[in-house]
Amino acid sequence: MAEYKRHQGHRQRMRERVQNYGLDSLAEHEALEYLLFLSIPRADTNALAHRLIQHFGDFCKVLEAEPEELMRVEGVGPKSARLISTVMACS
């Protein structure tokens, strides 16, 4: 229960932070977590963001990874893999 209360409102606080200070105000894992909000609407994405960065080395290497590689990381499904790949393709 304490864990739930700690995370309650987390996404809204992140949105407000980005709105007020921009994406540059986020650490790499927070930016990835923020991106994952789009593909994982109701779960905590913090641990997954950390696993991805640990697996690939840094935020940019996560974005450069192929969907198949991304899905080798626990918690990454096809929807999240496509989202991350699309971000890189659009940049």
C-alpha atoms as a PDB file:
ATOM      1  CA  MET A   1       0.000   0.000   0.000  1.00  0.00           C
ATOM      2  CA  ALA A   2       2.831   2.434   0.826  1.00  0.00           C
ATOM      3  CA  GLU A   3       4.343   1.713  -2.594  1.00  0.00           C
ATOM      4  CA  TYR A   4       1.076   2.704  -4.287  1.00  0.00           C
ATOM      5  CA  LYS A   5       0.879   5.992  -2.363  1.00  0.00           C
ATOM      6  CA  ARG A   6       4.460   6.835  -3.279  1.00  0.00           C
ATOM      7  CA  HIS A   7       3.663   6.457  -6.989  1.00  0.00           C
ATOM      8  CA  GLN A   8       0.217   8.030  -6.837  1.00  0.00           C
ATOM      9  CA  GLY A   9       0.220  11.115  -9.060  1.00  0.00           C
ATOM     10  CA  HIS A  10       3.691  10.328 -10.458  1.00  0.00           C
ATOM     11  CA  ARG A  11       2.646  10.562 -14.105  1.00  0.00           C
ATOM     12  CA  GLN A  12       0.865  13.843 -13.553  1.00  0.00           C
ATOM     13  CA  ARG A  13       3.919  15.277 -11.785  1.00  0.00           C
ATOM     14  CA  MET A  14       6.109  14.167 -14.707  1.00  0.00           C
ATOM     15  CA  ARG A  15       3.724  15.753 -17.233  1.00  0.00           C
ATOM     16  CA  GLU A  16       3.719  19.010 -15.287  1.00  0.00           C
ATOM     17  CA  ARG A  17       7.497  18.965 -15.055  1.00  0.00           C
ATOM     18  CA  VAL A  18       7.831  18.496 -18.815  1.00  0.00           C
ATOM     19  CA  GLN A  19       5.215  21.180 -19.455  1.00  0.00           C
ATOM     20  CA  ASN A  20       6.957  23.656 -17.144  1.00  0.00           C
ATOM     21  CA  TYR A  21      10.612  22.864 -17.785  1.00  0.00           C
ATOM     22  CA  GLY A  22      10.771  20.783 -20.977  1.00  0.00           C
ATOM     23  CA  LEU A  23      12.110  17.312 -21.674  1.00  0.00           C
ATOM     24  CA  ASP A  24      15.622  18.474 -20.860  1.00  0.00           C
ATOM     25  CA  SER A  25      14.593  18.614 -17.207  1.00  0.00           C
ATOM     26  CA  LEU A  26      14.367  14.812 -17.136  1.00  0.00           C
ATOM     27  CA  ALA A  27      17.194  12.355 -16.544  1.00  0.00           C
ATOM     28  CA  GLU A  28      17.649   9.682 -19.240  1.00  0.00           C
ATOM     29  CA  HIS A  29      15.664   7.055 -17.364  1.00  0.00           C
ATOM     30  CA  GLU A  30      12.888   9.572 -16.676  1.00  0.00           C
ATOM     31  CA  ALA A  31      12.643  10.550 -20.346  1.00  0.00           C
ATOM     32  CA  LEU A  32      12.382   6.893 -21.291  1.00  0.00           C
ATOM     33  CA  GLU A  33       9.821   6.332 -18.547  1.00  0.00           C
ATOM     34  CA  TYR A  34       7.835   9.304 -19.877  1.00  0.00           C
ATOM     35  CA  LEU A  35       7.901   7.827 -23.383  1.00  0.00           C
ATOM     36  CA  LEU A  36       6.764   4.443 -22.093  1.00  0.00           C
ATOM     37  CA  PHE A  37       3.689   6.091 -20.546  1.00  0.00           C
ATOM     38  CA  LEU A  38       2.270   6.094 -24.086  1.00  0.00           C
ATOM     39  CA  SER A  39       2.505   2.349 -24.580  1.00  0.00           C
ATOM     40  CA  ILE A  40       1.982   1.190 -20.990  1.00  0.00           C
ATOM     41  CA  PRO A  41      -0.940   3.254 -19.744  1.00  0.00           C
ATOM     42  CA  ARG A  42      -1.481   1.881 -16.240  1.00  0.00           C
ATOM     43  CA  ALA A  43       1.726   0.365 -14.896  1.00  0.00           C
ATOM     44  CA  ASP A  44       4.836   1.820 -13.296  1.00  0.00           C
ATOM     45  CA  THR A  45       7.386   2.213 -16.093  1.00  0.00           C
ATOM     46  CA  ASN A  46      10.331   3.302 -13.939  1.00  0.00           C
ATOM     47  CA  ALA A  47      11.862  -0.144 -13.430  1.00  0.00           C
ATOM     48  CA  LEU A  48      11.462  -0.952 -17.129  1.00  0.00           C
ATOM     49  CA  ALA A  49      13.192   2.287 -18.127  1.00  0.00           C
ATOM     50  CA  HIS A  50      16.114   1.404 -15.845  1.00  0.00           C
ATOM     51  CA  ARG A  51      16.287  -2.157 -17.262  1.00  0.00           C
ATOM     52  CA  LEU A  52      16.372  -0.837 -20.828  1.00  0.00           C
ATOM     53  CA  ILE A  53      19.149   1.634 -20.100  1.00  0.00           C
ATOM     54  CA  GLN A  54      21.116  -0.986 -18.173  1.00  0.00           C
ATOM     55  CA  HIS A  55      20.714  -3.470 -21.037  1.00  0.00           C
ATOM     56  CA  PHE A  56      21.619  -1.077 -23.878  1.00  0.00           C
ATOM     57  CA  GLY A  57      23.937   1.342 -22.087  1.00  0.00           C
ATOM     58  CA  ASP A  58      22.201   4.689 -22.506  1.00  0.00           C
ATOM     59  CA  PHE A  59      19.053   6.405 -23.743  1.00  0.00           C
ATOM     60  CA  CYS A  60      20.264   6.857 -27.325  1.00  0.00           C
ATOM     61  CA  LYS A  61      21.228   3.199 -27.675  1.00  0.00           C
ATOM     62  CA  VAL A  62      17.752   2.205 -26.454  1.00  0.00           C
ATOM     63  CA  LEU A  63      16.238   4.341 -29.217  1.00  0.00           C
ATOM     64  CA  GLU A  64      18.604   2.841 -31.802  1.00  0.00           C
ATOM     65  CA  ALA A  65      17.759  -0.759 -30.882  1.00  0.00           C
ATOM     66  CA  GLU A  66      15.707  -2.932 -33.202  1.00  0.00           C
ATOM     67  CA  PRO A  67      12.250  -3.972 -31.968  1.00  0.00           C
ATOM     68  CA  GLU A  68      13.367  -7.594 -31.668  1.00  0.00           C
ATOM     69  CA  GLU A  69      16.267  -6.557 -29.432  1.00  0.00           C
ATOM     70  CA  LEU A  70      14.014  -4.380 -27.296  1.00  0.00           C
ATOM     71  CA  MET A  71      11.578  -7.230 -26.722  1.00  0.00           C
ATOM     72  CA  ARG A  72      14.380  -9.318 -25.206  1.00  0.00           C
ATOM     73  CA  VAL A  73      14.203  -7.025 -22.181  1.00  0.00           C
ATOM     74  CA  GLU A  74      11.682  -8.183 -19.602  1.00  0.00           C
ATOM     75  CA  GLY A  75       8.546  -6.040 -19.749  1.00  0.00           C
ATOM     76  CA  VAL A  76       8.911  -4.802 -23.326  1.00  0.00           C
ATOM     77  CA  GLY A  77       6.124  -5.993 -25.559  1.00  0.00           C
ATOM     78  CA  PRO A  78       5.486  -5.363 -29.248  1.00  0.00           C
ATOM     79  CA  LYS A  79       3.617  -2.095 -28.614  1.00  0.00           C
ATOM     80  CA  SER A  80       6.459  -0.567 -26.587  1.00  0.00           C
ATOM     81  CA  ALA A  81       9.093  -1.852 -29.009  1.00  0.00           C
ATOM     82  CA  ARG A  82       7.264  -0.262 -31.956  1.00  0.00           C
ATOM     83  CA  LEU A  83       6.867   3.015 -30.091  1.00  0.00           C
ATOM     84  CA  ILE A  84      10.559   3.253 -29.224  1.00  0.00           C
ATOM     85  CA  SER A  85      11.578   2.343 -32.784  1.00  0.00           C
ATOM     86  CA  THR A  86       9.169   4.893 -34.236  1.00  0.00           C
ATOM     87  CA  VAL A  87      10.650   7.684 -32.132  1.00  0.00           C
ATOM     88  CA  MET A  88      14.087   6.999 -33.593  1.00  0.00           C
ATOM     89  CA  ALA A  89      12.703   6.748 -37.129  1.00  0.00           C
ATOM     90  CA  CYS A  90      11.060  10.168 -36.743  1.00  0.00           C
ATOM     91  CA  SER A  91      14.156  11.922 -35.435  1.00  0.00           C
END
